[in-house]
Amino acid sequence: MTTKNTPRDPFGQPTRTLTPYERTAAAAKDIIDSEKQTRDARTAALRSARLEREAENGK
């Protein structure tokens, strides 16, 4: 009897290959998440600068 040496996940189940759609969706999610982190950091920096400026002007 021959057995295939298939890759297994941490639970012992055989893994499957991803479809082209799944690979594209995963790549898109990574890009979107990265851009969101950048956007959130920029927003926080701008918000703190605005609040500091308003505090100086006595608003």
PDB file of N, CA and C in Angstrom:
ATOM      1  N   MET A   1       0.845  -1.175   0.000  1.00  0.00           N
ATOM      2  CA  MET A   1       0.000   0.000   0.000  1.00  0.00           C
ATOM      3  C   MET A   1       0.891   1.238   0.000  1.00  0.00           C
ATOM      4  N   THR A   2       0.647   2.130  -0.895  1.00  0.00           N
ATOM      5  CA  THR A   2       1.418   3.362  -0.933  1.00  0.00           C
ATOM      6  C   THR A   2       0.599   4.487  -0.328  1.00  0.00           C
ATOM      7  N   THR A   3       1.280   5.342   0.401  1.00  0.00           N
ATOM      8  CA  THR A   3       0.604   6.504   0.977  1.00  0.00           C
ATOM      9  C   THR A   3       1.224   7.758   0.410  1.00  0.00           C
ATOM     10  N   LYS A   4       0.401   8.706   0.172  1.00  0.00           N
ATOM     11  CA  LYS A   4       0.894   9.987  -0.323  1.00  0.00           C
ATOM     12  C   LYS A   4       1.382  10.802   0.855  1.00  0.00           C
ATOM     13  N   ASN A   5       2.446  11.480   0.650  1.00  0.00           N
ATOM     14  CA  ASN A   5       2.994  12.342   1.694  1.00  0.00           C
ATOM     15  C   ASN A   5       2.384  13.731   1.522  1.00  0.00           C
ATOM     16  N   THR A   6       1.132  13.875   1.938  1.00  0.00           N
ATOM     17  CA  THR A   6       0.438  15.148   1.771  1.00  0.00           C
ATOM     18  C   THR A   6       0.687  16.030   2.987  1.00  0.00           C
ATOM     19  N   PRO A   7       0.802  17.337   2.770  1.00  0.00           N
ATOM     20  CA  PRO A   7       0.970  18.243   3.902  1.00  0.00           C
ATOM     21  C   PRO A   7      -0.270  18.231   4.787  1.00  0.00           C
ATOM     22  N   ARG A   8      -0.065  18.396   6.070  1.00  0.00           N
ATOM     23  CA  ARG A   8      -1.169  18.368   7.020  1.00  0.00           C
ATOM     24  C   ARG A   8      -1.158  19.644   7.857  1.00  0.00           C
ATOM     25  N   ASP A   9      -2.348  20.061   8.261  1.00  0.00           N
ATOM     26  CA  ASP A   9      -2.461  21.229   9.126  1.00  0.00           C
ATOM     27  C   ASP A   9      -2.194  20.808  10.574  1.00  0.00           C
ATOM     28  N   PRO A  10      -2.194  21.761  11.511  1.00  0.00           N
ATOM     29  CA  PRO A  10      -1.894  21.421  12.904  1.00  0.00           C
ATOM     30  C   PRO A  10      -2.859  20.403  13.530  1.00  0.00           C
ATOM     31  N   PHE A  11      -4.028  20.229  12.940  1.00  0.00           N
ATOM     32  CA  PHE A  11      -5.006  19.295  13.488  1.00  0.00           C
ATOM     33  C   PHE A  11      -4.932  17.934  12.806  1.00  0.00           C
ATOM     34  N   GLY A  12      -3.974  17.736  11.919  1.00  0.00           N
ATOM     35  CA  GLY A  12      -3.796  16.454  11.255  1.00  0.00           C
ATOM     36  C   GLY A  12      -4.617  16.265  10.003  1.00  0.00           C
ATOM     37  N   GLN A  13      -5.366  17.277   9.627  1.00  0.00           N
ATOM     38  CA  GLN A  13      -6.177  17.188   8.417  1.00  0.00           C
ATOM     39  C   GLN A  13      -5.328  17.551   7.202  1.00  0.00           C
ATOM     40  N   PRO A  14      -5.544  16.884   6.086  1.00  0.00           N
ATOM     41  CA  PRO A  14      -4.782  17.254   4.889  1.00  0.00           C
ATOM     42  C   PRO A  14      -5.115  18.678   4.443  1.00  0.00           C
ATOM     43  N   THR A  15      -4.102  19.412   4.048  1.00  0.00           N
ATOM     44  CA  THR A  15      -4.334  20.760   3.558  1.00  0.00           C
ATOM     45  C   THR A  15      -4.678  20.698   2.074  1.00  0.00           C
ATOM     46  N   ARG A  16      -5.296  21.743   1.598  1.00  0.00           N
ATOM     47  CA  ARG A  16      -5.623  21.799   0.184  1.00  0.00           C
ATOM     48  C   ARG A  16      -4.947  23.017  -0.416  1.00  0.00           C
ATOM     49  N   THR A  17      -4.774  22.990  -1.706  1.00  0.00           N
ATOM     50  CA  THR A  17      -4.187  24.142  -2.376  1.00  0.00           C
ATOM     51  C   THR A  17      -5.244  25.217  -2.538  1.00  0.00           C
ATOM     52  N   LEU A  18      -4.809  26.447  -2.548  1.00  0.00           N
ATOM     53  CA  LEU A  18      -5.735  27.562  -2.699  1.00  0.00           C
ATOM     54  C   LEU A  18      -6.046  27.783  -4.171  1.00  0.00           C
ATOM     55  N   THR A  19      -7.263  28.179  -4.425  1.00  0.00           N
ATOM     56  CA  THR A  19      -7.654  28.510  -5.788  1.00  0.00           C
ATOM     57  C   THR A  19      -7.064  29.869  -6.146  1.00  0.00           C
ATOM     58  N   PRO A  20      -6.971  30.200  -7.419  1.00  0.00           N
ATOM     59  CA  PRO A  20      -6.475  31.521  -7.796  1.00  0.00           C
ATOM     60  C   PRO A  20      -7.281  32.650  -7.158  1.00  0.00           C
ATOM     61  N   TYR A  21      -8.602  32.467  -7.060  1.00  0.00           N
ATOM     62  CA  TYR A  21      -9.443  33.482  -6.424  1.00  0.00           C
ATOM     63  C   TYR A  21      -9.048  33.662  -4.959  1.00  0.00           C
ATOM     64  N   GLU A  22      -8.836  32.562  -4.245  1.00  0.00           N
ATOM     65  CA  GLU A  22      -8.476  32.634  -2.832  1.00  0.00           C
ATOM     66  C   GLU A  22      -7.114  33.305  -2.633  1.00  0.00           C
ATOM     67  N   ARG A  23      -6.162  33.014  -3.523  1.00  0.00           N
ATOM     68  CA  ARG A  23      -4.840  33.664  -3.437  1.00  0.00           C
ATOM     69  C   ARG A  23      -4.969  35.162  -3.680  1.00  0.00           C
ATOM     70  N   THR A  24      -5.774  35.542  -4.672  1.00  0.00           N
ATOM     71  CA  THR A  24      -5.973  36.960  -4.975  1.00  0.00           C
ATOM     72  C   THR A  24      -6.682  37.656  -3.821  1.00  0.00           C
ATOM     73  N   ALA A  25      -7.691  37.026  -3.264  1.00  0.00           N
ATOM     74  CA  ALA A  25      -8.439  37.611  -2.147  1.00  0.00           C
ATOM     75  C   ALA A  25      -7.526  37.793  -0.931  1.00  0.00           C
ATOM     76  N   ALA A  26      -6.670  36.825  -0.666  1.00  0.00           N
ATOM     77  CA  ALA A  26      -5.750  36.928   0.468  1.00  0.00           C
ATOM     78  C   ALA A  26      -4.752  38.064   0.254  1.00  0.00           C
ATOM     79  N   ALA A  27      -4.240  38.190  -0.965  1.00  0.00           N
ATOM     80  CA  ALA A  27      -3.303  39.273  -1.267  1.00  0.00           C
ATOM     81  C   ALA A  27      -3.985  40.620  -1.143  1.00  0.00           C
ATOM     82  N   ALA A  28      -5.215  40.721  -1.637  1.00  0.00           N
ATOM     83  CA  ALA A  28      -5.960  41.972  -1.547  1.00  0.00           C
ATOM     84  C   ALA A  28      -6.228  42.342  -0.091  1.00  0.00           C
ATOM     85  N   LYS A  29      -6.569  41.361   0.730  1.00  0.00           N
ATOM     86  CA  LYS A  29      -6.819  41.612   2.143  1.00  0.00           C
ATOM     87  C   LYS A  29      -5.556  42.125   2.832  1.00  0.00           C
ATOM     88  N   ASP A  30      -4.408  41.537   2.507  1.00  0.00           N
ATOM     89  CA  ASP A  30      -3.138  41.999   3.081  1.00  0.00           C
ATOM     90  C   ASP A  30      -2.866  43.450   2.695  1.00  0.00           C
ATOM     91  N   ILE A  31      -3.087  43.784   1.426  1.00  0.00           N
ATOM     92  CA  ILE A  31      -2.852  45.152   0.953  1.00  0.00           C
ATOM     93  C   ILE A  31      -3.810  46.121   1.639  1.00  0.00           C
ATOM     94  N   ILE A  32      -5.078  45.766   1.717  1.00  0.00           N
ATOM     95  CA  ILE A  32      -6.073  46.639   2.337  1.00  0.00           C
ATOM     96  C   ILE A  32      -5.766  46.848   3.811  1.00  0.00           C
ATOM     97  N   ASP A  33      -5.384  45.767   4.516  1.00  0.00           N
ATOM     98  CA  ASP A  33      -5.041  45.890   5.934  1.00  0.00           C
ATOM     99  C   ASP A  33      -3.825  46.786   6.137  1.00  0.00           C
ATOM    100  N   SER A  34      -2.835  46.650   5.270  1.00  0.00           N
ATOM    101  CA  SER A  34      -1.637  47.480   5.359  1.00  0.00           C
ATOM    102  C   SER A  34      -1.971  48.954   5.129  1.00  0.00           C
ATOM    103  N   GLU A  35      -2.785  49.220   4.124  1.00  0.00           N
ATOM    104  CA  GLU A  35      -3.182  50.595   3.836  1.00  0.00           C
ATOM    105  C   GLU A  35      -4.024  51.177   4.963  1.00  0.00           C
ATOM    106  N   LYS A  36      -4.856  50.349   5.591  1.00  0.00           N
ATOM    107  CA  LYS A  36      -5.676  50.814   6.702  1.00  0.00           C
ATOM    108  C   LYS A  36      -4.796  51.207   7.887  1.00  0.00           C
ATOM    109  N   GLN A  37      -3.776  50.427   8.160  1.00  0.00           N
ATOM    110  CA  GLN A  37      -2.864  50.763   9.258  1.00  0.00           C
ATOM    111  C   GLN A  37      -2.164  52.093   8.981  1.00  0.00           C
ATOM    112  N   THR A  38      -1.713  52.291   7.756  1.00  0.00           N
ATOM    113  CA  THR A  38      -1.070  53.540   7.378  1.00  0.00           C
ATOM    114  C   THR A  38      -2.041  54.707   7.505  1.00  0.00           C
ATOM    115  N   ARG A  39      -3.260  54.518   7.017  1.00  0.00           N
ATOM    116  CA  ARG A  39      -4.281  55.564   7.078  1.00  0.00           C
ATOM    117  C   ARG A  39      -4.643  55.900   8.527  1.00  0.00           C
ATOM    118  N   ASP A  40      -4.780  54.875   9.372  1.00  0.00           N
ATOM    119  CA  ASP A  40      -5.101  55.108  10.777  1.00  0.00           C
ATOM    120  C   ASP A  40      -3.990  55.871  11.489  1.00  0.00           C
ATOM    121  N   ALA A  41      -2.736  55.538  11.188  1.00  0.00           N
ATOM    122  CA  ALA A  41      -1.607  56.240  11.803  1.00  0.00           C
ATOM    123  C   ALA A  41      -1.584  57.704  11.359  1.00  0.00           C
ATOM    124  N   ARG A  42      -1.816  57.949  10.081  1.00  0.00           N
ATOM    125  CA  ARG A  42      -1.833  59.309   9.562  1.00  0.00           C
ATOM    126  C   ARG A  42      -2.979  60.113  10.179  1.00  0.00           C
ATOM    127  N   THR A  43      -4.148  59.480  10.296  1.00  0.00           N
ATOM    128  CA  THR A  43      -5.306  60.145  10.892  1.00  0.00           C
ATOM    129  C   THR A  43      -5.030  60.517  12.340  1.00  0.00           C
ATOM    130  N   ALA A  44      -4.416  59.611  13.093  1.00  0.00           N
ATOM    131  CA  ALA A  44      -4.098  59.887  14.498  1.00  0.00           C
ATOM    132  C   ALA A  44      -3.113  61.040  14.619  1.00  0.00           C
ATOM    133  N   ALA A  45      -2.109  61.071  13.747  1.00  0.00           N
ATOM    134  CA  ALA A  45      -1.122  62.155  13.784  1.00  0.00           C
ATOM    135  C   ALA A  45      -1.783  63.493  13.447  1.00  0.00           C
ATOM    136  N   LEU A  46      -2.622  63.511  12.433  1.00  0.00           N
ATOM    137  CA  LEU A  46      -3.314  64.749  12.052  1.00  0.00           C
ATOM    138  C   LEU A  46      -4.280  65.205  13.140  1.00  0.00           C
ATOM    139  N   ARG A  47      -4.970  64.263  13.761  1.00  0.00           N
ATOM    140  CA  ARG A  47      -5.914  64.605  14.826  1.00  0.00           C
ATOM    141  C   ARG A  47      -5.168  65.224  16.011  1.00  0.00           C
ATOM    142  N   SER A  48      -4.050  64.626  16.404  1.00  0.00           N
ATOM    143  CA  SER A  48      -3.312  65.173  17.545  1.00  0.00           C
ATOM    144  C   SER A  48      -2.744  66.547  17.215  1.00  0.00           C
ATOM    145  N   ALA A  49      -2.285  66.750  15.983  1.00  0.00           N
ATOM    146  CA  ALA A  49      -1.776  68.063  15.580  1.00  0.00           C
ATOM    147  C   ALA A  49      -2.900  69.103  15.604  1.00  0.00           C
ATOM    148  N   ARG A  50      -4.078  68.708  15.132  1.00  0.00           N
ATOM    149  CA  ARG A  50      -5.219  69.633  15.136  1.00  0.00           C
ATOM    150  C   ARG A  50      -5.618  69.990  16.563  1.00  0.00           C
ATOM    151  N   LEU A  51      -5.692  69.023  17.445  1.00  0.00           N
ATOM    152  CA  LEU A  51      -6.064  69.278  18.826  1.00  0.00           C
ATOM    153  C   LEU A  51      -5.028  70.164  19.520  1.00  0.00           C
ATOM    154  N   GLU A  52      -3.757  69.950  19.211  1.00  0.00           N
ATOM    155  CA  GLU A  52      -2.708  70.781  19.788  1.00  0.00           C
ATOM    156  C   GLU A  52      -2.828  72.220  19.301  1.00  0.00           C
ATOM    157  N   ARG A  53      -3.082  72.365  17.991  1.00  0.00           N
ATOM    158  CA  ARG A  53      -3.222  73.692  17.404  1.00  0.00           C
ATOM    159  C   ARG A  53      -4.451  74.424  17.998  1.00  0.00           C
ATOM    160  N   GLU A  54      -5.549  73.693  18.169  1.00  0.00           N
ATOM    161  CA  GLU A  54      -6.746  74.293  18.750  1.00  0.00           C
ATOM    162  C   GLU A  54      -6.532  74.684  20.207  1.00  0.00           C
ATOM    163  N   ALA A  55      -5.750  73.885  20.928  1.00  0.00           N
ATOM    164  CA  ALA A  55      -5.465  74.207  22.331  1.00  0.00           C
ATOM    165  C   ALA A  55      -4.621  75.474  22.428  1.00  0.00           C
ATOM    166  N   GLU A  56      -3.702  75.670  21.497  1.00  0.00           N
ATOM    167  CA  GLU A  56      -2.854  76.863  21.488  1.00  0.00           C
ATOM    168  C   GLU A  56      -3.663  78.103  21.131  1.00  0.00           C
ATOM    169  N   ASN A  57      -4.618  77.968  20.245  1.00  0.00           N
ATOM    170  CA  ASN A  57      -5.426  79.097  19.809  1.00  0.00           C
ATOM    171  C   ASN A  57      -6.578  79.388  20.779  1.00  0.00           C
ATOM    172  N   GLY A  58      -6.775  78.553  21.752  1.00  0.00           N
ATOM    173  CA  GLY A  58      -7.797  78.781  22.754  1.00  0.00           C
ATOM    174  C   GLY A  58      -9.205  78.495  22.289  1.00  0.00           C
ATOM    175  N   LYS A  59      -9.373  77.582  21.359  1.00  0.00           N
ATOM    176  CA  LYS A  59     -10.704  77.231  20.857  1.00  0.00           C
ATOM    177  C   LYS A  59     -11.449  76.412  21.829  1.00  0.00           C
TER     178      LYS A  59
END
